[in-house]
């Protein structure tokens, strides 16, 4: 049996066709810029937050005392008092003896400065000779230091040895009991000799006095 063909009328509802989905913006420069701007914004927020946290953690009040550097508060190990000099000259050979004299005859120095200091440590008193020799160059200064560092090669005469310092109690600084130190810096050579008054013996203390006295060369320039 056949059915008659149905024609919808005005009051009948026809099926609504599906609306196709709208496609998003294609990937390209615009989309990349948006992602970059979003990432930059997040980074900026993180940086600001970190800066605020750092300022909170490291905030200090103005009244908080500032610690002084140990280098500025440290006191000298010994108090050296000038006893004689400085005596300055340009003829080193005339103020030296033995092998050192010969060295200066062959190698003229530029200048010579000599001084004596006393230092008190407890009940021990020491006399200290400080000599500053300036040679024409660093090579000659090194040669001089190597010469005076060896035993029996002579030295620059200290102000006790040459009779400039008049003190009957002064120790003989060129004697066997004296402590010796030297330093070469550029064209300059510093030579130190020291010994105790009144036959006092303390090798370690005397060595420290001699080493510290090398710094006194700056006063002889």
Protein backbone atom coordinates (compact mmCIF):
# COMPACT_ATOMS: atom_id res chain seq x y z
CA UNK A 1 0.00 0.00 0.00
CA UNK A 2 1.43 3.31 -0.96
CA UNK A 3 1.56 6.42 1.26
CA UNK A 4 0.70 9.84 -0.04
CA UNK A 5 3.59 12.36 -0.34
CA UNK A 6 3.70 14.67 2.74
CA UNK A 7 4.27 18.39 2.21
CA UNK A 8 4.91 20.37 5.40
CA UNK A 9 2.68 23.26 6.01
CA UNK A 10 3.38 26.66 7.62
CA UNK A 11 2.57 25.34 11.12
CA UNK A 12 4.88 22.38 10.88
CA UNK A 13 8.53 22.60 12.26
CA UNK A 14 11.38 21.63 10.00
CA UNK A 15 14.72 20.33 11.40
CA UNK A 16 17.25 23.14 12.13
CA UNK A 17 20.54 22.59 10.30
CA UNK A 18 23.70 22.39 12.50
CA UNK A 19 25.86 25.57 12.61
CA UNK A 20 29.44 24.81 11.62
CA UNK A 21 32.10 25.66 14.26
CA UNK A 22 33.97 28.89 13.63
CA UNK A 23 37.67 28.21 13.02
CA UNK A 24 40.18 29.93 15.46
CA UNK A 25 42.86 32.29 14.32
CA UNK A 26 45.49 30.43 12.37
CA UNK A 27 48.89 30.10 14.05
CA UNK A 28 51.21 32.82 12.94
CA UNK A 29 53.09 35.98 14.06
CA UNK A 30 50.06 37.47 15.82
CA UNK A 31 49.56 34.38 18.00
CA UNK A 32 53.29 34.18 18.79
CA UNK A 33 53.36 37.83 19.88
CA UNK A 34 50.45 37.25 22.20
CA UNK A 35 52.19 34.31 23.84
CA UNK A 36 55.40 36.30 24.19
CA UNK A 37 53.61 39.25 25.79
CA UNK A 38 51.86 36.92 28.23
CA UNK A 39 55.18 35.28 29.18
CA UNK A 40 56.90 38.65 29.59
CA UNK A 41 54.15 39.79 31.91
CA UNK A 42 54.59 36.72 34.12
CA UNK A 43 58.36 37.27 34.24
CA UNK A 44 57.90 40.93 35.21
CA UNK A 45 55.56 39.96 38.05
CA UNK A 46 58.09 37.40 39.31
CA UNK A 47 60.93 39.95 39.22
CA UNK A 48 58.92 42.55 41.16
CA UNK A 49 57.87 39.98 43.74
CA UNK A 50 61.48 38.83 44.17
CA UNK A 51 62.70 42.42 44.58
CA UNK A 52 60.12 43.16 47.26
CA UNK A 53 61.07 39.98 49.13
CA UNK A 54 64.80 40.88 48.94
CA UNK A 55 64.16 44.38 50.33
CA UNK A 56 62.14 42.97 53.19
CA UNK A 57 64.80 40.40 54.09
CA UNK A 58 67.76 42.87 53.84
CA UNK A 59 66.21 45.92 55.40
CA UNK A 60 68.42 47.38 58.18
CA UNK A 61 67.72 50.27 60.51
CA UNK A 62 69.88 53.44 60.26
CA UNK A 63 70.89 53.14 63.90
CA UNK A 64 72.45 49.71 63.40
CA UNK A 65 76.25 49.94 64.05
CA UNK A 66 78.57 49.12 61.15
CA UNK A 67 81.41 46.73 61.99
CA UNK A 68 84.89 48.09 61.32
CA UNK A 69 87.34 46.21 59.14
CA UNK A 70 89.97 44.31 61.18
CA UNK A 71 92.67 45.96 59.04
CA UNK A 72 91.65 49.41 60.28
CA UNK A 73 91.40 48.44 63.94
CA UNK A 74 94.49 46.23 64.24
CA UNK A 75 97.32 47.70 66.31
CA UNK A 76 101.02 47.37 65.42
CA UNK A 77 102.70 44.34 66.94
CA UNK A 78 105.49 46.50 68.40
CA UNK A 79 105.99 50.17 69.22
CA UNK A 80 109.23 51.21 67.53
CA UNK A 81 110.69 54.47 68.85
CA UNK A 82 113.24 56.34 66.75
CA UNK A 83 116.62 56.48 68.54
CA UNK A 84 118.91 57.78 65.77
CA UNK A 85 118.62 59.05 62.19
CA UNK A 86 117.57 58.73 59.52
CA UNK A 87 121.07 59.30 58.17
CA UNK A 88 121.08 59.55 54.36
CA UNK A 89 123.91 59.21 51.84
CA UNK A 90 124.62 58.36 48.20
CA UNK A 91 128.00 56.61 48.68
CA UNK A 92 127.07 53.09 49.76
CA UNK A 93 130.64 51.75 49.45
CA UNK A 94 131.85 54.25 52.07
CA UNK A 95 129.18 52.97 54.47
CA UNK A 96 129.68 49.22 53.98
CA UNK A 97 132.31 46.61 54.83
CA UNK A 98 133.79 43.38 53.50
CA UNK A 99 132.09 41.82 50.46
CA UNK A 100 129.25 44.35 50.55
CA UNK A 101 131.75 47.18 50.22
CA UNK A 102 133.27 45.51 47.15
CA UNK A 103 129.81 45.01 45.67
CA UNK A 104 129.01 48.72 45.99
CA UNK A 105 132.34 49.68 44.45
CA UNK A 106 131.35 47.70 41.36
CA UNK A 107 127.64 48.60 41.51
CA UNK A 108 126.95 52.16 42.57
CA UNK A 109 123.75 52.57 44.59
CA UNK A 110 121.35 55.47 44.09
CA UNK A 111 120.72 56.23 47.78
CA UNK A 112 121.16 54.92 51.32
CA UNK A 113 119.17 55.66 54.47
CA UNK A 114 119.91 54.26 57.94
CA UNK A 115 118.11 54.57 61.29
CA UNK A 116 117.98 53.02 64.76
CA UNK A 117 114.87 52.22 66.76
CA UNK A 118 114.24 50.86 70.25
CA UNK A 119 111.34 48.59 71.10
CA UNK A 120 110.08 47.37 74.48
CA UNK A 121 108.26 44.05 74.88
CA UNK A 122 107.55 43.18 78.52
CA UNK A 123 110.86 43.36 80.36
CA UNK A 124 112.86 42.95 77.13
CA UNK A 125 114.29 45.95 75.28
CA UNK A 126 115.77 45.65 71.80
CA UNK A 127 117.74 47.94 69.53
CA UNK A 128 116.81 47.74 65.84
CA UNK A 129 118.82 48.91 62.82
CA UNK A 130 116.84 49.54 59.64
CA UNK A 131 118.71 50.22 56.38
CA UNK A 132 117.10 51.12 53.06
CA UNK A 133 119.29 50.81 49.95
CA UNK A 134 118.03 51.94 46.54
CA UNK A 135 119.82 50.35 43.57
CA UNK A 136 119.55 51.36 39.88
CA UNK A 137 117.20 48.46 39.12
CA UNK A 138 115.48 45.38 40.57
CA UNK A 139 118.15 42.98 39.29
CA UNK A 140 120.92 44.76 41.25
CA UNK A 141 118.69 44.93 44.31
CA UNK A 142 118.21 41.16 44.17
CA UNK A 143 121.98 40.65 43.86
CA UNK A 144 122.59 42.79 46.93
CA UNK A 145 119.99 40.91 48.99
CA UNK A 146 121.45 37.55 47.98
CA UNK A 147 124.91 38.77 48.99
CA UNK A 148 123.97 40.10 52.43
CA UNK A 149 121.79 37.04 53.13
CA UNK A 150 124.91 34.87 53.18
CA UNK A 151 127.13 34.67 56.26
CA UNK A 152 130.56 36.28 56.15
CA UNK A 153 129.89 38.51 53.14
CA UNK A 154 129.71 41.85 54.94
CA UNK A 155 126.86 44.33 55.10
CA UNK A 156 125.94 47.99 55.26
CA UNK A 157 127.35 49.48 58.47
CA UNK A 158 124.65 50.14 61.05
CA UNK A 159 124.78 53.35 63.11
CA UNK A 160 126.18 51.49 66.14
CA UNK A 161 129.04 49.94 64.19
CA UNK A 162 130.14 53.23 62.59
CA UNK A 163 130.00 55.11 65.91
CA UNK A 164 127.14 57.47 65.02
CA UNK A 165 124.98 56.24 67.92
CA UNK A 166 126.48 56.95 71.33
CA UNK A 167 125.08 54.59 73.98
CA UNK A 168 127.42 52.50 76.09
CA UNK A 169 124.65 49.96 76.76
CA UNK A 170 123.78 49.47 73.10
CA UNK A 171 124.12 45.86 71.87
CA UNK A 172 126.49 45.06 69.01
CA UNK A 173 124.10 44.62 66.10
CA UNK A 174 126.68 43.02 63.82
CA UNK A 175 127.44 40.35 66.44
CA UNK A 176 126.54 36.66 66.38
CA UNK A 177 123.54 37.09 68.69
CA UNK A 178 121.83 39.67 66.46
CA UNK A 179 118.82 38.70 64.34
CA UNK A 180 118.89 39.49 60.61
CA UNK A 181 116.05 40.02 58.12
CA UNK A 182 115.97 41.44 54.58
CA UNK A 183 113.49 42.18 51.82
CA UNK A 184 113.85 43.24 48.17
CA UNK A 185 111.03 45.18 46.53
CA UNK A 186 111.71 46.55 43.08
CA UNK A 187 114.98 48.48 43.20
CA UNK A 188 114.88 48.77 47.02
CA UNK A 189 116.50 46.50 49.61
CA UNK A 190 115.60 46.69 53.30
CA UNK A 191 118.09 45.23 55.79
CA UNK A 192 117.25 44.78 59.47
CA UNK A 193 119.56 43.88 62.37
CA UNK A 194 118.35 43.70 65.96
CA UNK A 195 119.49 42.48 69.38
CA UNK A 196 118.42 42.80 73.00
CA UNK A 197 119.90 45.10 75.58
CA UNK A 198 121.60 43.65 78.66
CA UNK A 199 122.14 40.16 77.28
CA UNK A 200 118.44 39.21 77.22
CA UNK A 201 117.71 36.01 75.25
CA UNK A 202 114.47 35.19 73.43
CA UNK A 203 115.11 34.05 69.86
CA UNK A 204 111.46 33.83 68.83
CA UNK A 205 110.64 37.31 70.13
CA UNK A 206 113.74 38.79 68.51
CA UNK A 207 112.80 37.19 65.18
CA UNK A 208 109.32 38.72 65.34
CA UNK A 209 110.77 42.14 66.14
CA UNK A 210 113.09 41.87 63.12
CA UNK A 211 110.36 40.74 60.71
CA UNK A 212 107.98 43.51 61.79
CA UNK A 213 110.76 46.10 61.49
CA UNK A 214 110.94 45.52 57.73
CA UNK A 215 107.81 47.71 57.50
CA UNK A 216 109.78 50.69 58.86
CA UNK A 217 111.58 51.12 55.54
CA UNK A 218 108.72 53.36 54.40
CA UNK A 219 109.81 55.94 56.99
CA UNK A 220 113.29 56.14 55.42
CA UNK A 221 112.30 57.16 51.90
